């Protein structure tokens, strides 16, 4: 009987030692993002054309200082956007438009961006009045499916064409630029 019990104990021990139970299960990792905003910021640099000698010849002046506009598209939709600019009154010796105007001067604003997905633009602006800006022209845009994140646009290719027949005073002239960002995708 001792042999039989001993044999039974060995058999039970082997069964317990060789029985291996493996368990595996899976789970997932999740993250959700919520849409942000479409916004822009314009630095404080003026679009400037430097100091120039008075002449009776037509002159096209290159920009010597340019503002930078940063468009932040954090909506998470890839819906695209359009950046426009409009000119207030004609360049004038007084900011309120009561001074001497730089008659028939034509401002062309040309955008150059750091993001290859953004299309730059060039527009010659028609001046408005001291009360209202003229028609807006597109200077940068992102097509549907592009423009996410931050896009920086500078305007170093901008020009000011001043006719030689325009009366120019030995003083500074200024105009107001109004920047607008819309959620309309570029073409």
N, C-alpha and C. Protein backbone atom coordinates (compact mmCIF):
# COMPACT_ATOMS: atom_id res chain seq x y z
N UNK A 1 0.81 -1.16 0.00
CA UNK A 1 0.00 0.00 0.00
C UNK A 1 0.87 1.24 0.00
N UNK A 2 2.02 1.15 0.67
CA UNK A 2 2.92 2.29 0.69
C UNK A 2 3.42 2.60 -0.71
N UNK A 3 3.69 1.56 -1.50
CA UNK A 3 4.16 1.77 -2.86
C UNK A 3 3.09 2.46 -3.69
N UNK A 4 1.86 2.01 -3.48
CA UNK A 4 0.78 2.56 -4.25
C UNK A 4 0.56 4.04 -3.92
N UNK A 5 0.59 4.44 -2.67
CA UNK A 5 0.42 5.82 -2.25
C UNK A 5 1.60 6.65 -2.73
N UNK A 6 2.78 6.10 -2.58
CA UNK A 6 3.97 6.81 -3.04
C UNK A 6 3.91 7.05 -4.55
N UNK A 7 3.51 6.06 -5.32
CA UNK A 7 3.37 6.17 -6.77
C UNK A 7 2.31 7.20 -7.13
N UNK A 8 1.23 7.23 -6.38
CA UNK A 8 0.16 8.19 -6.60
C UNK A 8 0.65 9.60 -6.33
N UNK A 9 1.47 9.79 -5.30
CA UNK A 9 2.02 11.10 -4.96
C UNK A 9 2.99 11.58 -6.04
N UNK A 10 3.79 10.67 -6.58
CA UNK A 10 4.72 11.04 -7.64
C UNK A 10 3.94 11.44 -8.89
N UNK A 11 2.92 10.69 -9.24
CA UNK A 11 2.10 11.00 -10.42
C UNK A 11 1.41 12.35 -10.25
N UNK A 12 0.86 12.62 -9.10
CA UNK A 12 0.19 13.90 -8.85
C UNK A 12 1.21 15.04 -8.89
N UNK A 13 2.39 14.83 -8.37
CA UNK A 13 3.44 15.85 -8.40
C UNK A 13 3.88 16.18 -9.81
N UNK A 14 4.03 15.15 -10.65
CA UNK A 14 4.43 15.38 -12.03
C UNK A 14 3.34 16.11 -12.81
N UNK A 15 2.10 15.74 -12.55
CA UNK A 15 1.00 16.42 -13.23
C UNK A 15 0.98 17.90 -12.85
N UNK A 16 1.15 18.20 -11.61
CA UNK A 16 1.15 19.58 -11.15
C UNK A 16 2.34 20.36 -11.68
N UNK A 17 3.48 19.74 -11.85
CA UNK A 17 4.68 20.43 -12.29
C UNK A 17 4.67 20.67 -13.79
N UNK A 18 3.99 19.82 -14.53
CA UNK A 18 4.02 19.97 -15.99
C UNK A 18 2.83 20.74 -16.53
N UNK A 19 1.87 21.04 -15.73
CA UNK A 19 0.71 21.79 -16.20
C UNK A 19 1.04 23.28 -16.13
N UNK A 20 1.13 23.93 -17.30
CA UNK A 20 1.42 25.36 -17.38
C UNK A 20 0.22 26.03 -18.04
N UNK A 21 -0.28 27.04 -17.42
CA UNK A 21 -1.42 27.77 -17.97
C UNK A 21 -0.89 29.13 -18.44
N UNK A 22 -1.08 29.47 -19.73
CA UNK A 22 -0.64 30.75 -20.27
C UNK A 22 -1.87 31.62 -20.53
N UNK A 23 -1.81 32.85 -20.07
CA UNK A 23 -2.89 33.81 -20.31
C UNK A 23 -2.32 35.00 -21.06
N UNK A 24 -3.04 35.50 -22.09
CA UNK A 24 -2.68 36.71 -22.81
C UNK A 24 -3.95 37.48 -23.08
N UNK A 25 -3.84 38.79 -23.03
CA UNK A 25 -4.99 39.63 -23.30
C UNK A 25 -4.46 40.91 -23.94
N UNK A 26 -5.31 41.70 -24.58
CA UNK A 26 -4.88 42.94 -25.22
C UNK A 26 -5.72 44.10 -24.71
N UNK A 27 -5.17 45.29 -24.88
CA UNK A 27 -5.91 46.51 -24.59
C UNK A 27 -5.44 47.55 -25.60
N UNK A 28 -6.00 48.73 -25.59
CA UNK A 28 -5.60 49.78 -26.53
C UNK A 28 -5.15 51.02 -25.77
N UNK A 29 -4.44 51.89 -26.49
CA UNK A 29 -4.08 53.20 -25.96
C UNK A 29 -4.87 54.23 -26.75
N UNK A 30 -5.43 55.21 -26.12
CA UNK A 30 -6.27 56.20 -26.79
C UNK A 30 -5.79 57.60 -26.45
N UNK A 31 -5.96 58.51 -27.42
CA UNK A 31 -5.74 59.93 -27.19
C UNK A 31 -6.72 60.68 -28.10
N UNK A 32 -7.24 61.79 -27.63
CA UNK A 32 -8.16 62.61 -28.40
C UNK A 32 -7.66 64.05 -28.35
N UNK A 33 -7.70 64.72 -29.49
CA UNK A 33 -7.34 66.13 -29.55
C UNK A 33 -8.60 66.93 -29.87
N UNK A 34 -8.73 68.09 -29.29
CA UNK A 34 -9.84 68.97 -29.63
C UNK A 34 -9.32 70.11 -30.48
N UNK A 35 -10.15 70.58 -31.37
CA UNK A 35 -9.75 71.64 -32.30
C UNK A 35 -9.47 72.95 -31.58
N UNK A 36 -8.49 73.66 -32.09
CA UNK A 36 -8.12 74.97 -31.55
C UNK A 36 -8.67 76.08 -32.41
N UNK A 37 -7.87 77.11 -32.59
CA UNK A 37 -8.34 78.30 -33.30
C UNK A 37 -7.49 78.59 -34.52
N UNK A 38 -8.00 79.45 -35.37
CA UNK A 38 -7.27 80.04 -36.49
C UNK A 38 -7.01 81.48 -36.10
N UNK A 39 -5.74 81.87 -36.02
CA UNK A 39 -5.42 83.23 -35.58
C UNK A 39 -4.18 83.73 -36.30
N UNK A 40 -3.94 85.03 -36.17
CA UNK A 40 -2.73 85.63 -36.75
C UNK A 40 -2.17 86.65 -35.77
N UNK A 41 -0.88 86.89 -35.92
CA UNK A 41 -0.24 87.97 -35.17
C UNK A 41 0.67 88.72 -36.15
N UNK A 42 0.64 90.04 -36.04
CA UNK A 42 1.45 90.91 -36.89
C UNK A 42 2.47 91.58 -35.98
N UNK A 43 3.76 91.44 -36.32
CA UNK A 43 4.76 92.09 -35.46
C UNK A 43 4.68 93.61 -35.64
N UNK A 44 5.43 94.34 -34.87
CA UNK A 44 5.32 95.80 -34.85
C UNK A 44 6.19 96.51 -35.90
N UNK A 45 6.84 95.74 -36.76
CA UNK A 45 7.67 96.36 -37.79
C UNK A 45 6.79 96.98 -38.87
N UNK A 46 7.09 98.22 -39.25
CA UNK A 46 6.35 98.87 -40.32
C UNK A 46 6.86 98.41 -41.68
N UNK A 47 5.99 98.43 -42.67
CA UNK A 47 6.41 98.21 -44.05
C UNK A 47 7.02 99.53 -44.48
N UNK A 48 8.34 99.59 -44.59
CA UNK A 48 9.05 100.84 -44.83
C UNK A 48 9.81 100.81 -46.14
N UNK A 49 9.97 102.00 -46.73
CA UNK A 49 10.67 102.12 -48.01
C UNK A 49 11.85 103.08 -47.92
N UNK A 50 12.31 103.35 -46.71
CA UNK A 50 13.54 104.11 -46.49
C UNK A 50 13.43 105.59 -46.80
N UNK A 51 14.59 106.23 -46.79
CA UNK A 51 14.70 107.65 -47.08
C UNK A 51 15.18 107.78 -48.52
N UNK A 52 14.50 108.59 -49.31
CA UNK A 52 14.79 108.69 -50.74
C UNK A 52 14.89 110.14 -51.17
N UNK A 53 15.75 110.41 -52.13
CA UNK A 53 15.91 111.77 -52.66
C UNK A 53 14.70 112.13 -53.53
N UNK A 54 14.27 113.38 -53.45
CA UNK A 54 13.18 113.85 -54.31
C UNK A 54 13.73 113.95 -55.73
N UNK A 55 12.96 113.41 -56.67
CA UNK A 55 13.34 113.43 -58.08
C UNK A 55 12.09 113.60 -58.93
N UNK A 56 12.27 114.05 -60.16
CA UNK A 56 11.13 114.21 -61.07
C UNK A 56 10.94 112.96 -61.93
N UNK A 57 11.73 111.94 -61.69
CA UNK A 57 11.61 110.67 -62.44
C UNK A 57 10.69 109.70 -61.69
N UNK A 58 10.08 108.81 -62.46
CA UNK A 58 9.31 107.73 -61.83
C UNK A 58 10.27 106.88 -60.99
N UNK A 59 9.81 106.45 -59.83
CA UNK A 59 10.68 105.64 -58.96
C UNK A 59 9.89 104.45 -58.42
N UNK A 60 10.53 103.30 -58.40
CA UNK A 60 9.97 102.12 -57.75
C UNK A 60 10.89 101.80 -56.58
N UNK A 61 10.35 101.93 -55.38
CA UNK A 61 11.13 101.77 -54.16
C UNK A 61 10.95 100.38 -53.59
N UNK A 62 12.05 99.76 -53.19
CA UNK A 62 12.01 98.44 -52.56
C UNK A 62 11.83 98.59 -51.06
N UNK A 63 11.16 97.62 -50.47
CA UNK A 63 10.96 97.63 -49.02
C UNK A 63 12.30 97.50 -48.31
N UNK A 64 12.49 98.33 -47.28
CA UNK A 64 13.71 98.26 -46.47
C UNK A 64 13.46 97.60 -45.12
N UNK A 65 12.21 97.55 -44.71
CA UNK A 65 11.81 96.86 -43.48
C UNK A 65 10.40 96.31 -43.72
N UNK A 66 10.17 95.12 -43.22
CA UNK A 66 8.88 94.49 -43.48
C UNK A 66 8.31 93.85 -42.22
N UNK A 67 6.98 93.93 -42.08
CA UNK A 67 6.37 93.22 -40.95
C UNK A 67 6.35 91.72 -41.22
N UNK A 68 6.23 90.96 -40.17
CA UNK A 68 6.06 89.52 -40.28
C UNK A 68 4.69 89.18 -39.72
N UNK A 69 3.94 88.40 -40.48
CA UNK A 69 2.62 87.93 -40.03
C UNK A 69 2.74 86.43 -39.81
N UNK A 70 2.37 85.98 -38.63
CA UNK A 70 2.35 84.55 -38.34
C UNK A 70 0.91 84.09 -38.26
N UNK A 71 0.57 83.11 -39.11
CA UNK A 71 -0.76 82.51 -39.09
C UNK A 71 -0.65 81.20 -38.33
N UNK A 72 -1.49 81.04 -37.32
CA UNK A 72 -1.52 79.81 -36.52
C UNK A 72 -2.85 79.11 -36.78
N UNK A 73 -2.78 77.99 -37.48
CA UNK A 73 -3.98 77.20 -37.75
C UNK A 73 -3.93 75.96 -36.87
N UNK A 74 -4.60 76.03 -35.75
CA UNK A 74 -4.62 74.93 -34.79
C UNK A 74 -6.00 74.29 -34.71
N UNK A 75 -6.80 74.46 -35.77
CA UNK A 75 -8.16 73.92 -35.79
C UNK A 75 -8.16 72.40 -35.93
N UNK A 76 -7.12 71.85 -36.57
CA UNK A 76 -7.05 70.41 -36.77
C UNK A 76 -7.98 69.90 -37.85
N UNK A 77 -8.33 70.78 -38.80
CA UNK A 77 -9.26 70.39 -39.85
C UNK A 77 -8.63 70.39 -41.24
N UNK A 78 -7.46 71.00 -41.39
CA UNK A 78 -6.82 71.16 -42.71
C UNK A 78 -7.75 71.84 -43.69
N UNK A 79 -8.53 72.82 -43.21
CA UNK A 79 -9.54 73.47 -44.04
C UNK A 79 -8.99 74.61 -44.88
N UNK A 80 -7.75 75.05 -44.64
CA UNK A 80 -7.16 76.15 -45.40
C UNK A 80 -7.57 77.51 -44.85
N UNK A 81 -6.95 78.56 -45.39
CA UNK A 81 -7.19 79.92 -44.94
C UNK A 81 -6.67 80.91 -45.98
N UNK A 82 -7.04 82.20 -45.82
CA UNK A 82 -6.58 83.25 -46.72
C UNK A 82 -6.20 84.48 -45.90
N UNK A 83 -5.02 85.05 -46.18
CA UNK A 83 -4.55 86.28 -45.54
C UNK A 83 -4.62 87.40 -46.56
N UNK A 84 -5.32 88.49 -46.21
CA UNK A 84 -5.42 89.65 -47.10
C UNK A 84 -4.92 90.90 -46.39
N UNK A 85 -4.66 91.93 -47.20
CA UNK A 85 -4.28 93.23 -46.65
C UNK A 85 -4.99 94.30 -47.47
N UNK A 86 -5.37 95.38 -46.80
CA UNK A 86 -5.99 96.52 -47.46
C UNK A 86 -5.27 97.78 -47.00
N UNK A 87 -5.23 98.76 -47.88
CA UNK A 87 -4.58 100.03 -47.58
C UNK A 87 -5.63 101.06 -47.22
N UNK A 88 -5.37 101.82 -46.15
CA UNK A 88 -6.24 102.94 -45.81
C UNK A 88 -6.02 104.05 -46.84
N UNK A 89 -5.95 105.26 -46.41
CA UNK A 89 -5.74 106.40 -47.29
C UNK A 89 -4.43 106.28 -48.07
N UNK A 90 -4.31 107.07 -49.10
CA UNK A 90 -3.06 107.19 -49.84
C UNK A 90 -1.97 107.62 -48.84
N UNK A 91 -0.70 107.27 -49.12
CA UNK A 91 0.39 107.75 -48.26
C UNK A 91 0.21 109.25 -48.07
N UNK A 92 0.31 109.72 -46.81
CA UNK A 92 -0.02 111.09 -46.47
C UNK A 92 0.95 111.58 -45.41
N UNK A 93 1.17 112.89 -45.37
CA UNK A 93 2.07 113.45 -44.36
C UNK A 93 1.43 113.49 -42.97
N UNK A 94 0.11 113.33 -42.90
CA UNK A 94 -0.60 113.30 -41.62
C UNK A 94 -1.37 111.99 -41.51
N UNK A 95 -1.30 111.36 -40.36
CA UNK A 95 -1.97 110.07 -40.18
C UNK A 95 -3.49 110.18 -40.29
N UNK A 96 -4.04 111.37 -40.06
CA UNK A 96 -5.49 111.53 -40.17
C UNK A 96 -5.92 111.92 -41.58
N UNK A 97 -4.98 111.97 -42.53
CA UNK A 97 -5.30 112.25 -43.93
C UNK A 97 -5.46 113.71 -44.27
N UNK A 98 -5.18 114.61 -43.33
CA UNK A 98 -5.37 116.04 -43.58
C UNK A 98 -4.12 116.70 -44.16
N UNK A 99 -3.04 115.94 -44.30
CA UNK A 99 -1.80 116.50 -44.82
C UNK A 99 -1.72 116.40 -46.34
N UNK A 100 -0.53 116.39 -46.83
CA UNK A 100 -0.29 116.29 -48.27
C UNK A 100 -0.17 114.81 -48.66
N UNK A 101 -0.93 114.41 -49.69
CA UNK A 101 -0.93 113.02 -50.14
C UNK A 101 0.16 112.78 -51.18
N UNK A 102 0.68 111.57 -51.21
CA UNK A 102 1.64 111.13 -52.23
C UNK A 102 0.78 110.60 -53.39
N UNK A 103 0.20 111.51 -54.14
CA UNK A 103 -0.80 111.21 -55.17
C UNK A 103 -0.30 110.18 -56.17
N UNK A 104 -1.17 109.22 -56.44
CA UNK A 104 -0.95 108.16 -57.43
C UNK A 104 0.19 107.19 -57.10
N UNK A 105 0.67 107.21 -55.88
CA UNK A 105 1.67 106.22 -55.48
C UNK A 105 0.97 104.86 -55.38
N UNK A 106 1.61 103.82 -55.90
CA UNK A 106 0.99 102.48 -55.91
C UNK A 106 1.80 101.52 -55.04
N UNK A 107 1.15 100.99 -54.01
CA UNK A 107 1.78 100.06 -53.08
C UNK A 107 1.47 98.64 -53.51
N UNK A 108 2.53 97.86 -53.74
CA UNK A 108 2.38 96.43 -54.03
C UNK A 108 2.94 95.66 -52.86
N UNK A 109 2.08 94.86 -52.22
CA UNK A 109 2.49 94.06 -51.07
C UNK A 109 2.66 92.63 -51.57
N UNK A 110 3.84 92.07 -51.34
CA UNK A 110 4.15 90.71 -51.82
C UNK A 110 4.61 89.86 -50.66
N UNK A 111 3.92 88.76 -50.43
CA UNK A 111 4.23 87.86 -49.32
C UNK A 111 5.20 86.77 -49.71
N UNK A 112 6.09 86.44 -48.79
CA UNK A 112 7.01 85.31 -48.93
C UNK A 112 6.92 84.51 -47.64
N UNK A 113 6.53 83.25 -47.75
CA UNK A 113 6.29 82.45 -46.56
C UNK A 113 7.37 81.41 -46.34
N UNK A 114 7.41 80.91 -45.10
CA UNK A 114 8.40 79.90 -44.74
C UNK A 114 7.87 78.49 -44.93
N UNK A 115 6.59 78.35 -45.18
CA UNK A 115 5.94 77.05 -45.28
C UNK A 115 5.63 76.75 -46.75
N UNK A 116 6.19 75.69 -47.30
CA UNK A 116 6.01 75.39 -48.72
C UNK A 116 4.58 75.03 -49.07
N UNK A 117 3.75 74.69 -48.08
CA UNK A 117 2.34 74.37 -48.35
C UNK A 117 1.50 75.63 -48.52
N UNK A 118 2.07 76.79 -48.19
CA UNK A 118 1.35 78.05 -48.29
C UNK A 118 1.70 78.73 -49.60
N UNK A 119 0.69 79.28 -50.27
CA UNK A 119 0.89 79.99 -51.53
C UNK A 119 1.07 81.48 -51.23
N UNK A 120 2.16 82.06 -51.72
CA UNK A 120 2.34 83.49 -51.51
C UNK A 120 1.63 84.24 -52.61
N UNK A 121 1.35 85.51 -52.33
CA UNK A 121 0.64 86.34 -53.29
C UNK A 121 1.25 87.71 -53.37
N UNK A 122 0.87 88.42 -54.39
CA UNK A 122 1.30 89.79 -54.60
C UNK A 122 0.07 90.57 -55.03
N UNK A 123 -0.15 91.73 -54.42
CA UNK A 123 -1.32 92.52 -54.76
C UNK A 123 -0.96 94.00 -54.73
N UNK A 124 -1.41 94.73 -55.75
CA UNK A 124 -1.26 96.18 -55.77
C UNK A 124 -2.54 96.74 -55.20
N UNK A 125 -2.41 97.51 -54.14
CA UNK A 125 -3.57 97.98 -53.39
C UNK A 125 -4.12 99.29 -53.92
N UNK A 126 -5.42 99.41 -53.86
CA UNK A 126 -6.10 100.68 -54.16
C UNK A 126 -6.37 101.34 -52.82
N UNK A 127 -5.84 102.54 -52.60
CA UNK A 127 -6.04 103.17 -51.29
C UNK A 127 -7.50 103.47 -51.03
N UNK A 128 -7.84 103.43 -49.75
CA UNK A 128 -9.19 103.80 -49.33
C UNK A 128 -9.18 105.23 -48.82
N UNK A 129 -9.87 105.44 -47.73
CA UNK A 129 -9.96 106.76 -47.11
C UNK A 129 -9.52 106.64 -45.66
N UNK A 130 -9.53 107.75 -44.95
CA UNK A 130 -9.20 107.68 -43.53
C UNK A 130 -10.29 106.94 -42.76
N UNK A 131 -11.50 106.85 -43.32
CA UNK A 131 -12.60 106.15 -42.65
C UNK A 131 -12.65 104.67 -43.00
N UNK A 132 -12.23 104.31 -44.20
CA UNK A 132 -12.36 102.91 -44.63
C UNK A 132 -11.18 102.52 -45.52
N UNK A 133 -10.72 101.30 -45.35
CA UNK A 133 -9.64 100.79 -46.19
C UNK A 133 -10.16 100.51 -47.58
N UNK A 134 -9.26 100.49 -48.54
CA UNK A 134 -9.62 100.14 -49.91
C UNK A 134 -9.86 98.64 -50.02
N UNK A 135 -9.98 98.17 -51.25
CA UNK A 135 -10.22 96.74 -51.48
C UNK A 135 -9.03 95.93 -51.00
N UNK A 136 -9.33 94.79 -50.39
CA UNK A 136 -8.27 93.91 -49.85
C UNK A 136 -7.73 93.03 -50.96
N UNK A 137 -6.44 92.74 -50.88
CA UNK A 137 -5.79 91.84 -51.82
C UNK A 137 -5.15 90.68 -51.08
N UNK A 138 -5.14 89.50 -51.68
CA UNK A 138 -4.59 88.31 -51.05
C UNK A 138 -3.06 88.32 -51.11
N UNK A 139 -2.42 88.07 -49.96
CA UNK A 139 -0.96 88.01 -49.90
C UNK A 139 -0.43 86.65 -49.50
N UNK A 140 -1.29 85.77 -48.99
CA UNK A 140 -0.89 84.39 -48.67
C UNK A 140 -2.16 83.57 -48.46
N UNK A 141 -2.07 82.28 -48.78
CA UNK A 141 -3.22 81.40 -48.56
C UNK A 141 -2.77 79.96 -48.46
N UNK A 142 -3.62 79.17 -47.84
CA UNK A 142 -3.41 77.73 -47.73
C UNK A 142 -4.63 77.04 -48.34
N UNK A 143 -4.39 76.11 -49.24
CA UNK A 143 -5.48 75.36 -49.87
C UNK A 143 -6.12 74.40 -48.87
N UNK A 144 -7.30 73.93 -49.21
CA UNK A 144 -7.95 72.91 -48.42
C UNK A 144 -7.00 71.71 -48.32
N UNK A 145 -6.76 71.23 -47.13
CA UNK A 145 -5.84 70.11 -46.91
C UNK A 145 -4.44 70.55 -46.49
N UNK A 146 -4.21 71.88 -46.40
CA UNK A 146 -2.88 72.38 -46.01
C UNK A 146 -3.02 73.50 -44.99
N UNK A 147 -1.88 74.03 -44.57
CA UNK A 147 -1.85 75.22 -43.72
C UNK A 147 -1.90 74.96 -42.23
N UNK A 148 -1.87 73.71 -41.80
CA UNK A 148 -1.91 73.42 -40.37
C UNK A 148 -0.65 73.93 -39.68
N UNK A 149 -0.77 74.27 -38.42
CA UNK A 149 0.39 74.72 -37.64
C UNK A 149 0.65 76.20 -37.87
N UNK A 150 1.91 76.61 -37.69
CA UNK A 150 2.30 78.01 -37.84
C UNK A 150 2.94 78.24 -39.20
N UNK A 151 2.52 79.30 -39.87
CA UNK A 151 3.11 79.73 -41.14
C UNK A 151 3.52 81.18 -40.98
N UNK A 152 4.77 81.50 -41.29
CA UNK A 152 5.30 82.85 -41.14
C UNK A 152 5.44 83.48 -42.52
N UNK A 153 4.84 84.67 -42.68
CA UNK A 153 4.87 85.37 -43.97
C UNK A 153 5.57 86.71 -43.76
N UNK A 154 6.56 86.99 -44.61
CA UNK A 154 7.23 88.30 -44.61
C UNK A 154 6.92 88.99 -45.94
N UNK A 155 7.26 90.25 -46.05
CA UNK A 155 6.85 91.04 -47.21
C UNK A 155 8.02 91.79 -47.84
N UNK A 156 9.17 91.13 -47.92
CA UNK A 156 10.40 91.77 -48.41
C UNK A 156 10.38 92.07 -49.90
N UNK A 157 9.45 91.49 -50.66
CA UNK A 157 9.36 91.78 -52.09
C UNK A 157 8.38 92.91 -52.39
N UNK A 158 7.90 93.60 -51.37
CA UNK A 158 6.94 94.69 -51.54
C UNK A 158 7.63 95.90 -52.19
N UNK A 159 6.83 96.67 -52.94
CA UNK A 159 7.36 97.83 -53.67
C UNK A 159 6.38 99.00 -53.58
N UNK A 160 6.92 100.20 -53.69
CA UNK A 160 6.11 101.41 -53.76
C UNK A 160 6.52 102.16 -55.03
N UNK A 161 5.59 102.28 -55.97
CA UNK A 161 5.84 103.01 -57.22
C UNK A 161 5.34 104.43 -57.06
N UNK A 162 6.26 105.39 -57.25
CA UNK A 162 5.93 106.80 -57.09
C UNK A 162 6.17 107.50 -58.42
N UNK A 163 5.10 108.05 -59.03
CA UNK A 163 5.27 108.76 -60.30
C UNK A 163 6.16 110.00 -60.14
N UNK A 164 6.95 110.28 -61.15
CA UNK A 164 7.83 111.44 -61.11
C UNK A 164 7.06 112.75 -61.01
N UNK A 165 5.86 112.81 -61.58
CA UNK A 165 5.06 114.04 -61.57
C UNK A 165 4.40 114.30 -60.22
N UNK A 166 4.42 113.33 -59.33
CA UNK A 166 3.81 113.50 -58.01
C UNK A 166 4.62 114.50 -57.19
N UNK A 167 3.92 115.46 -56.57
CA UNK A 167 4.59 116.41 -55.70
C UNK A 167 5.02 115.69 -54.43
N UNK A 168 6.31 115.82 -54.10
CA UNK A 168 6.86 115.16 -52.92
C UNK A 168 7.44 116.24 -52.01
N UNK A 169 7.04 116.22 -50.75
CA UNK A 169 7.59 117.16 -49.77
C UNK A 169 8.74 116.48 -49.04
N UNK A 170 9.64 117.27 -48.51
CA UNK A 170 10.78 116.74 -47.76
C UNK A 170 10.34 116.40 -46.34
N UNK A 171 9.56 115.33 -46.24
CA UNK A 171 9.01 114.87 -44.96
C UNK A 171 8.61 113.40 -45.10
N UNK A 172 8.12 112.82 -44.03
CA UNK A 172 7.69 111.43 -44.07
C UNK A 172 6.23 111.30 -44.46
N UNK A 173 5.89 110.18 -45.07
CA UNK A 173 4.52 109.85 -45.46
C UNK A 173 4.15 108.51 -44.82
N UNK A 174 2.87 108.34 -44.52
CA UNK A 174 2.43 107.10 -43.90
C UNK A 174 1.05 106.70 -44.42
N UNK A 175 0.74 105.43 -44.29
CA UNK A 175 -0.58 104.90 -44.60
C UNK A 175 -0.87 103.78 -43.62
N UNK A 176 -2.14 103.41 -43.50
CA UNK A 176 -2.53 102.32 -42.60
C UNK A 176 -2.74 101.04 -43.42
N UNK A 177 -2.25 99.93 -42.90
CA UNK A 177 -2.48 98.63 -43.53
C UNK A 177 -3.37 97.80 -42.60
N UNK A 178 -4.41 97.22 -43.15
CA UNK A 178 -5.33 96.40 -42.37
C UNK A 178 -5.21 94.95 -42.84
N UNK A 179 -4.76 94.07 -41.95
CA UNK A 179 -4.56 92.65 -42.24
C UNK A 179 -5.81 91.89 -41.82
N UNK A 180 -6.22 90.93 -42.63
CA UNK A 180 -7.40 90.13 -42.30
C UNK A 180 -7.11 88.66 -42.62
N UNK A 181 -7.48 87.79 -41.70
CA UNK A 181 -7.33 86.35 -41.88
C UNK A 181 -8.72 85.73 -41.91
N UNK A 182 -9.02 84.98 -42.97
CA UNK A 182 -10.32 84.33 -43.07
C UNK A 182 -10.15 82.83 -43.18
N UNK A 183 -11.18 82.10 -42.82
CA UNK A 183 -11.13 80.64 -42.89
C UNK A 183 -11.50 80.11 -44.28
N UNK A 184 -11.46 80.98 -45.29
CA UNK A 184 -11.72 80.59 -46.67
C UNK A 184 -10.43 79.99 -47.24
N UNK A 185 -10.46 78.76 -47.74
CA UNK A 185 -9.24 78.17 -48.29
C UNK A 185 -8.80 78.88 -49.56
N UNK A 186 -7.48 78.88 -49.80
CA UNK A 186 -6.93 79.46 -51.01
C UNK A 186 -7.26 78.57 -52.20
N UNK A 187 -6.99 79.08 -53.39
CA UNK A 187 -7.25 78.30 -54.62
C UNK A 187 -6.13 77.38 -54.97
